[in-house]
Amino acid sequence: MNREQKALFRQAQLAGLGIVVGGVGLATQHPWLPWIGLFIFMLGLIRFFLIRALIRRSRKWDDNSRETSASSQAPDSQSE
């Protein structure tokens, strides 16, 4: 797994932990534990989508910078 996949996997694990905490809270009938589980789940989902968008934006930026550097280094055959 590369770094991006590891980062996304950790956030998916956090969302899964929220589901587990919420389920345990419902099973044990604690009034506050399902809310904490819901909060952890939402936090994991929000972070997952934000990190995914950041990774996509950085890849797009890298691709654009490579294209501009390649075009600026290419010899201009029309001027000869």
C-alpha atoms as a PDB file:
ATOM      1  CA  MET A   1       0.000   0.000   0.000  1.00  0.00           C
ATOM      2  CA  ASN A   2       1.236   3.458  -0.773  1.00  0.00           C
ATOM      3  CA  ARG A   3       0.955   6.432   1.587  1.00  0.00           C
ATOM      4  CA  GLU A   4      -2.320   7.685   0.150  1.00  0.00           C
ATOM      5  CA  GLN A   5      -3.998   4.307   0.490  1.00  0.00           C
ATOM      6  CA  LYS A   6      -2.762   3.968   4.067  1.00  0.00           C
ATOM      7  CA  ALA A   7      -4.152   7.383   4.985  1.00  0.00           C
ATOM      8  CA  LEU A   8      -7.550   6.573   3.493  1.00  0.00           C
ATOM      9  CA  PHE A   9      -7.590   3.141   5.114  1.00  0.00           C
ATOM     10  CA  ARG A  10      -6.953   4.664   8.550  1.00  0.00           C
ATOM     11  CA  GLN A  11      -9.895   7.005   8.132  1.00  0.00           C
ATOM     12  CA  ALA A  12     -12.115   4.133   7.015  1.00  0.00           C
ATOM     13  CA  GLN A  13     -11.014   2.264  10.144  1.00  0.00           C
ATOM     14  CA  LEU A  14     -11.984   5.278  12.237  1.00  0.00           C
ATOM     15  CA  ALA A  15     -15.439   5.284  10.673  1.00  0.00           C
ATOM     16  CA  GLY A  16     -15.716   1.551  11.344  1.00  0.00           C
ATOM     17  CA  LEU A  17     -14.723   2.113  14.957  1.00  0.00           C
ATOM     18  CA  GLY A  18     -17.587   4.574  15.250  1.00  0.00           C
ATOM     19  CA  ILE A  19     -20.001   1.907  14.047  1.00  0.00           C
ATOM     20  CA  VAL A  20     -18.623  -0.571  16.594  1.00  0.00           C
ATOM     21  CA  VAL A  21     -18.806   1.930  19.458  1.00  0.00           C
ATOM     22  CA  GLY A  22     -22.362   2.865  18.504  1.00  0.00           C
ATOM     23  CA  GLY A  23     -23.386  -0.780  18.261  1.00  0.00           C
ATOM     24  CA  VAL A  24     -21.895  -1.592  21.633  1.00  0.00           C
ATOM     25  CA  GLY A  25     -23.656   1.414  23.096  1.00  0.00           C
ATOM     26  CA  LEU A  26     -26.987   0.215  21.749  1.00  0.00           C
ATOM     27  CA  ALA A  27     -26.378  -3.350  22.955  1.00  0.00           C
ATOM     28  CA  THR A  28     -25.452  -2.270  26.479  1.00  0.00           C
ATOM     29  CA  GLN A  29     -28.167   0.401  26.544  1.00  0.00           C
ATOM     30  CA  HIS A  30     -25.868   3.237  27.540  1.00  0.00           C
ATOM     31  CA  PRO A  31     -27.630   6.512  26.687  1.00  0.00           C
ATOM     32  CA  TRP A  32     -24.496   8.415  25.613  1.00  0.00           C
ATOM     33  CA  LEU A  33     -22.372   5.732  23.907  1.00  0.00           C
ATOM     34  CA  PRO A  34     -24.344   5.555  20.611  1.00  0.00           C
ATOM     35  CA  TRP A  35     -23.958   9.335  20.257  1.00  0.00           C
ATOM     36  CA  ILE A  36     -20.208   9.064  20.754  1.00  0.00           C
ATOM     37  CA  GLY A  37     -20.147   6.270  18.149  1.00  0.00           C
ATOM     38  CA  LEU A  38     -22.096   8.436  15.722  1.00  0.00           C
ATOM     39  CA  PHE A  39     -19.663  11.302  16.293  1.00  0.00           C
ATOM     40  CA  ILE A  40     -16.642   9.038  15.671  1.00  0.00           C
ATOM     41  CA  PHE A  41     -18.295   7.623  12.540  1.00  0.00           C
ATOM     42  CA  MET A  42     -19.034  11.073  11.122  1.00  0.00           C
ATOM     43  CA  LEU A  43     -15.533  12.277  11.968  1.00  0.00           C
ATOM     44  CA  GLY A  44     -14.032   9.312  10.119  1.00  0.00           C
ATOM     45  CA  LEU A  45     -16.240   9.866   7.064  1.00  0.00           C
ATOM     46  CA  ILE A  46     -15.550  13.580   6.882  1.00  0.00           C
ATOM     47  CA  ARG A  47     -11.809  13.052   7.215  1.00  0.00           C
ATOM     48  CA  PHE A  48     -11.925  10.250   4.597  1.00  0.00           C
ATOM     49  CA  PHE A  49     -13.586  12.467   1.992  1.00  0.00           C
ATOM     50  CA  LEU A  50     -11.396  15.484   2.780  1.00  0.00           C
ATOM     51  CA  ILE A  51      -8.182  13.478   2.512  1.00  0.00           C
ATOM     52  CA  ARG A  52      -9.400  11.819  -0.696  1.00  0.00           C
ATOM     53  CA  ALA A  53     -10.114  15.231  -2.221  1.00  0.00           C
ATOM     54  CA  LEU A  54      -6.724  16.509  -1.105  1.00  0.00           C
ATOM     55  CA  ILE A  55      -4.970  13.536  -2.693  1.00  0.00           C
ATOM     56  CA  ARG A  56      -6.858  14.000  -5.972  1.00  0.00           C
ATOM     57  CA  ARG A  57      -6.068  17.719  -6.007  1.00  0.00           C
ATOM     58  CA  SER A  58      -2.372  17.100  -5.359  1.00  0.00           C
ATOM     59  CA  ARG A  59      -2.224  14.476  -8.122  1.00  0.00           C
ATOM     60  CA  LYS A  60      -3.900  16.871 -10.539  1.00  0.00           C
ATOM     61  CA  TRP A  61      -1.455  19.612  -9.512  1.00  0.00           C
ATOM     62  CA  ASP A  62       1.508  17.250 -10.003  1.00  0.00           C
ATOM     63  CA  ASP A  63       0.253  16.227 -13.439  1.00  0.00           C
ATOM     64  CA  ASN A  64      -0.215  19.859 -14.487  1.00  0.00           C
ATOM     65  CA  SER A  65       3.235  20.849 -13.252  1.00  0.00           C
ATOM     66  CA  ARG A  66       4.820  17.931 -15.110  1.00  0.00           C
ATOM     67  CA  GLU A  67       3.046  18.907 -18.320  1.00  0.00           C
ATOM     68  CA  THR A  68       4.155  22.533 -18.102  1.00  0.00           C
ATOM     69  CA  SER A  69       7.747  21.604 -17.277  1.00  0.00           C
ATOM     70  CA  ALA A  70       7.848  19.090 -20.144  1.00  0.00           C
ATOM     71  CA  SER A  71       6.450  21.617 -22.600  1.00  0.00           C
ATOM     72  CA  SER A  72       8.889  24.314 -21.494  1.00  0.00           C
ATOM     73  CA  GLN A  73      11.857  21.956 -21.892  1.00  0.00           C
ATOM     74  CA  ALA A  74      10.829  20.634 -25.298  1.00  0.00           C
ATOM     75  CA  PRO A  75      12.656  22.224 -28.234  1.00  0.00           C
ATOM     76  CA  ASP A  76      10.521  24.536 -30.313  1.00  0.00           C
ATOM     77  CA  SER A  77      10.730  23.095 -33.825  1.00  0.00           C
ATOM     78  CA  GLN A  78       8.488  25.752 -35.400  1.00  0.00           C
ATOM     79  CA  SER A  79      10.917  28.616 -34.809  1.00  0.00           C
ATOM     80  CA  GLU A  80      13.748  26.989 -36.802  1.00  0.00           C
END
